[in-house]
Amino acid sequence: MTTNADLFKGTEITFSDGKTRIVKPLTIKHLREFMKVANEMKTDSDAGMTDEDIDKMIMAASIALRKCDPELAADRDALEDVLDLRTFGEVMAAAMGSDPNPNL
C-alpha cells in the first residue's frame, strides 16, 4: 500500500537508457498543464494510436519529468528515445500519485 511518505519520496523508474529517475507526484501547477494534455489523448480510438496521440504522450511525460530531469523533459528527441510504453505508464502513475507497481 502506498502511503503519503512514499509519495513524497517519489517512485524510482528505470528508463530504456538504463538510468533510474525518481518521479514525484505533480504539483497543482503542473497538474493543470498535464490534465489539459492528458484530456486530449484518445484512448478509445478504433484506428489505434496516431502520431498525434504519441505527441500528446511525449508532452505529458515531459510535464511529469520536469522536476526530476529538466534537461530530459526539455529534449523531445532524447525523451522519445528513453520512453517505451511500460515506462510511460509508470511515469503517468507516479506523476498522478499512484504506485506504478502495486504488486511488487
C-alpha atoms as a PDB file:
ATOM      1  CA  MET A   1       0.000   0.000   0.000  1.00  0.00           C
ATOM      2  CA  THR A   2       1.293   3.460  -0.913  1.00  0.00           C
ATOM      3  CA  THR A   3       1.490   5.996   1.913  1.00  0.00           C
ATOM      4  CA  ASN A   4       1.928   9.783   1.877  1.00  0.00           C
ATOM      5  CA  ALA A   5       5.551   9.324   2.951  1.00  0.00           C
ATOM      6  CA  ASP A   6       6.113   7.008  -0.031  1.00  0.00           C
ATOM      7  CA  LEU A   7       4.640   9.583  -2.406  1.00  0.00           C
ATOM      8  CA  PHE A   8       6.871  12.338  -1.029  1.00  0.00           C
ATOM      9  CA  LYS A   9       9.927  10.188  -1.731  1.00  0.00           C
ATOM     10  CA  GLY A  10       8.740   9.557  -5.277  1.00  0.00           C
ATOM     11  CA  THR A  11       8.915   6.438  -7.385  1.00  0.00           C
ATOM     12  CA  GLU A  12      12.112   5.043  -8.872  1.00  0.00           C
ATOM     13  CA  ILE A  13      11.625   4.246 -12.555  1.00  0.00           C
ATOM     14  CA  THR A  14      14.291   2.758 -14.798  1.00  0.00           C
ATOM     15  CA  PHE A  15      14.110   4.105 -18.338  1.00  0.00           C
ATOM     16  CA  SER A  16      15.298   2.385 -21.504  1.00  0.00           C
ATOM     17  CA  ASP A  17      18.635   4.234 -21.278  1.00  0.00           C
ATOM     18  CA  GLY A  18      19.286   2.265 -18.075  1.00  0.00           C
ATOM     19  CA  LYS A  19      19.096   5.398 -15.917  1.00  0.00           C
ATOM     20  CA  THR A  20      16.827   5.362 -12.890  1.00  0.00           C
ATOM     21  CA  ARG A  21      14.937   8.559 -12.212  1.00  0.00           C
ATOM     22  CA  ILE A  22      12.779   9.370  -9.201  1.00  0.00           C
ATOM     23  CA  VAL A  23       9.387  10.664 -10.338  1.00  0.00           C
ATOM     24  CA  LYS A  24       7.280  12.510  -7.773  1.00  0.00           C
ATOM     25  CA  PRO A  25       3.595  13.400  -7.923  1.00  0.00           C
ATOM     26  CA  LEU A  26       2.825  16.551  -9.874  1.00  0.00           C
ATOM     27  CA  THR A  27       2.312  19.842  -8.106  1.00  0.00           C
ATOM     28  CA  ILE A  28      -1.049  21.526  -8.690  1.00  0.00           C
ATOM     29  CA  LYS A  29       0.632  23.956 -11.100  1.00  0.00           C
ATOM     30  CA  HIS A  30       1.978  21.140 -13.256  1.00  0.00           C
ATOM     31  CA  LEU A  31      -1.178  19.066 -12.806  1.00  0.00           C
ATOM     32  CA  ARG A  32      -3.249  21.781 -14.505  1.00  0.00           C
ATOM     33  CA  GLU A  33      -0.994  21.728 -17.555  1.00  0.00           C
ATOM     34  CA  PHE A  34      -0.733  17.945 -17.510  1.00  0.00           C
ATOM     35  CA  MET A  35      -4.513  17.454 -17.418  1.00  0.00           C
ATOM     36  CA  LYS A  36      -5.013  19.720 -20.440  1.00  0.00           C
ATOM     37  CA  VAL A  37      -2.710  17.432 -22.437  1.00  0.00           C
ATOM     38  CA  ALA A  38      -3.993  14.180 -20.914  1.00  0.00           C
ATOM     39  CA  ASN A  39      -7.599  15.086 -21.693  1.00  0.00           C
ATOM     40  CA  GLU A  40      -6.674  15.439 -25.375  1.00  0.00           C
ATOM     41  CA  MET A  41      -5.249  11.908 -25.567  1.00  0.00           C
ATOM     42  CA  LYS A  42      -7.548   9.458 -27.325  1.00  0.00           C
ATOM     43  CA  THR A  43      -7.690   6.083 -25.645  1.00  0.00           C
ATOM     44  CA  ASP A  44     -10.726   4.542 -27.310  1.00  0.00           C
ATOM     45  CA  SER A  45      -9.964   5.032 -30.990  1.00  0.00           C
ATOM     46  CA  ASP A  46     -10.589   2.079 -33.284  1.00  0.00           C
ATOM     47  CA  ALA A  47      -7.844   3.383 -35.556  1.00  0.00           C
ATOM     48  CA  GLY A  48      -5.167   2.729 -32.951  1.00  0.00           C
ATOM     49  CA  MET A  49      -2.520   5.141 -31.775  1.00  0.00           C
ATOM     50  CA  THR A  50      -1.774   8.053 -34.112  1.00  0.00           C
ATOM     51  CA  ASP A  51       1.279  10.300 -34.326  1.00  0.00           C
ATOM     52  CA  GLU A  52      -0.819  12.981 -32.652  1.00  0.00           C
ATOM     53  CA  ASP A  53      -1.537  10.615 -29.747  1.00  0.00           C
ATOM     54  CA  ILE A  54       2.163   9.870 -29.385  1.00  0.00           C
ATOM     55  CA  ASP A  55       2.939  13.602 -29.444  1.00  0.00           C
ATOM     56  CA  LYS A  56       0.476  14.091 -26.578  1.00  0.00           C
ATOM     57  CA  MET A  57       2.089  11.212 -24.671  1.00  0.00           C
ATOM     58  CA  ILE A  58       5.510  12.834 -25.027  1.00  0.00           C
ATOM     59  CA  MET A  59       4.111  16.201 -23.901  1.00  0.00           C
ATOM     60  CA  ALA A  60       2.511  14.581 -20.845  1.00  0.00           C
ATOM     61  CA  ALA A  61       5.724  12.738 -19.964  1.00  0.00           C
ATOM     62  CA  SER A  62       7.714  15.948 -20.391  1.00  0.00           C
ATOM     63  CA  ILE A  63       5.496  17.719 -17.854  1.00  0.00           C
ATOM     64  CA  ALA A  64       5.787  14.796 -15.436  1.00  0.00           C
ATOM     65  CA  LEU A  65       9.596  14.747 -15.682  1.00  0.00           C
ATOM     66  CA  ARG A  66      10.292  18.487 -15.367  1.00  0.00           C
ATOM     67  CA  LYS A  67      11.234  18.302 -11.697  1.00  0.00           C
ATOM     68  CA  CYS A  68      13.284  15.096 -11.713  1.00  0.00           C
ATOM     69  CA  ASP A  69      15.138  15.609 -15.026  1.00  0.00           C
ATOM     70  CA  PRO A  70      14.544  19.056 -16.548  1.00  0.00           C
ATOM     71  CA  GLU A  71      17.141  18.503 -19.281  1.00  0.00           C
ATOM     72  CA  LEU A  72      15.434  15.322 -20.498  1.00  0.00           C
ATOM     73  CA  ALA A  73      11.986  16.911 -20.206  1.00  0.00           C
ATOM     74  CA  ALA A  74      13.109  19.750 -22.483  1.00  0.00           C
ATOM     75  CA  ASP A  75      14.644  17.476 -25.150  1.00  0.00           C
ATOM     76  CA  ARG A  76      11.839  15.804 -27.105  1.00  0.00           C
ATOM     77  CA  ASP A  77      14.148  13.562 -29.169  1.00  0.00           C
ATOM     78  CA  ALA A  78      16.004  12.310 -26.104  1.00  0.00           C
ATOM     79  CA  LEU A  79      12.715  11.756 -24.281  1.00  0.00           C
ATOM     80  CA  GLU A  80      11.323   9.691 -27.158  1.00  0.00           C
ATOM     81  CA  ASP A  81      14.496   7.576 -27.074  1.00  0.00           C
ATOM     82  CA  VAL A  82      14.205   6.683 -23.375  1.00  0.00           C
ATOM     83  CA  LEU A  83      10.434   6.170 -23.143  1.00  0.00           C
ATOM     84  CA  ASP A  84       8.635   2.969 -24.008  1.00  0.00           C
ATOM     85  CA  LEU A  85       5.016   2.093 -23.241  1.00  0.00           C
ATOM     86  CA  ARG A  86       5.874   0.400 -19.927  1.00  0.00           C
ATOM     87  CA  THR A  87       7.939   3.361 -18.765  1.00  0.00           C
ATOM     88  CA  PHE A  88       5.318   5.836 -19.960  1.00  0.00           C
ATOM     89  CA  GLY A  89       2.661   4.063 -17.901  1.00  0.00           C
ATOM     90  CA  GLU A  90       4.880   4.053 -14.823  1.00  0.00           C
ATOM     91  CA  VAL A  91       5.680   7.763 -15.228  1.00  0.00           C
ATOM     92  CA  MET A  92       1.989   8.615 -15.567  1.00  0.00           C
ATOM     93  CA  ALA A  93       1.057   6.572 -12.486  1.00  0.00           C
ATOM     94  CA  ALA A  94       3.865   8.089 -10.397  1.00  0.00           C
ATOM     95  CA  ALA A  95       3.033  11.620 -11.562  1.00  0.00           C
ATOM     96  CA  MET A  96      -0.587  11.122 -10.530  1.00  0.00           C
ATOM     97  CA  GLY A  97       0.479   9.854  -7.102  1.00  0.00           C
ATOM     98  CA  SER A  98      -0.263   6.167  -7.708  1.00  0.00           C
ATOM     99  CA  ASP A  99       2.048   3.225  -7.224  1.00  0.00           C
ATOM    100  CA  PRO A 100       3.006   2.086 -10.750  1.00  0.00           C
ATOM    101  CA  ASN A 101       3.997  -1.339  -9.425  1.00  0.00           C
ATOM    102  CA  PRO A 102       1.365  -2.234  -6.814  1.00  0.00           C
ATOM    103  CA  ASN A 103       2.132  -5.958  -6.956  1.00  0.00           C
ATOM    104  CA  LEU A 104       5.860  -5.683  -6.269  1.00  0.00           C
END
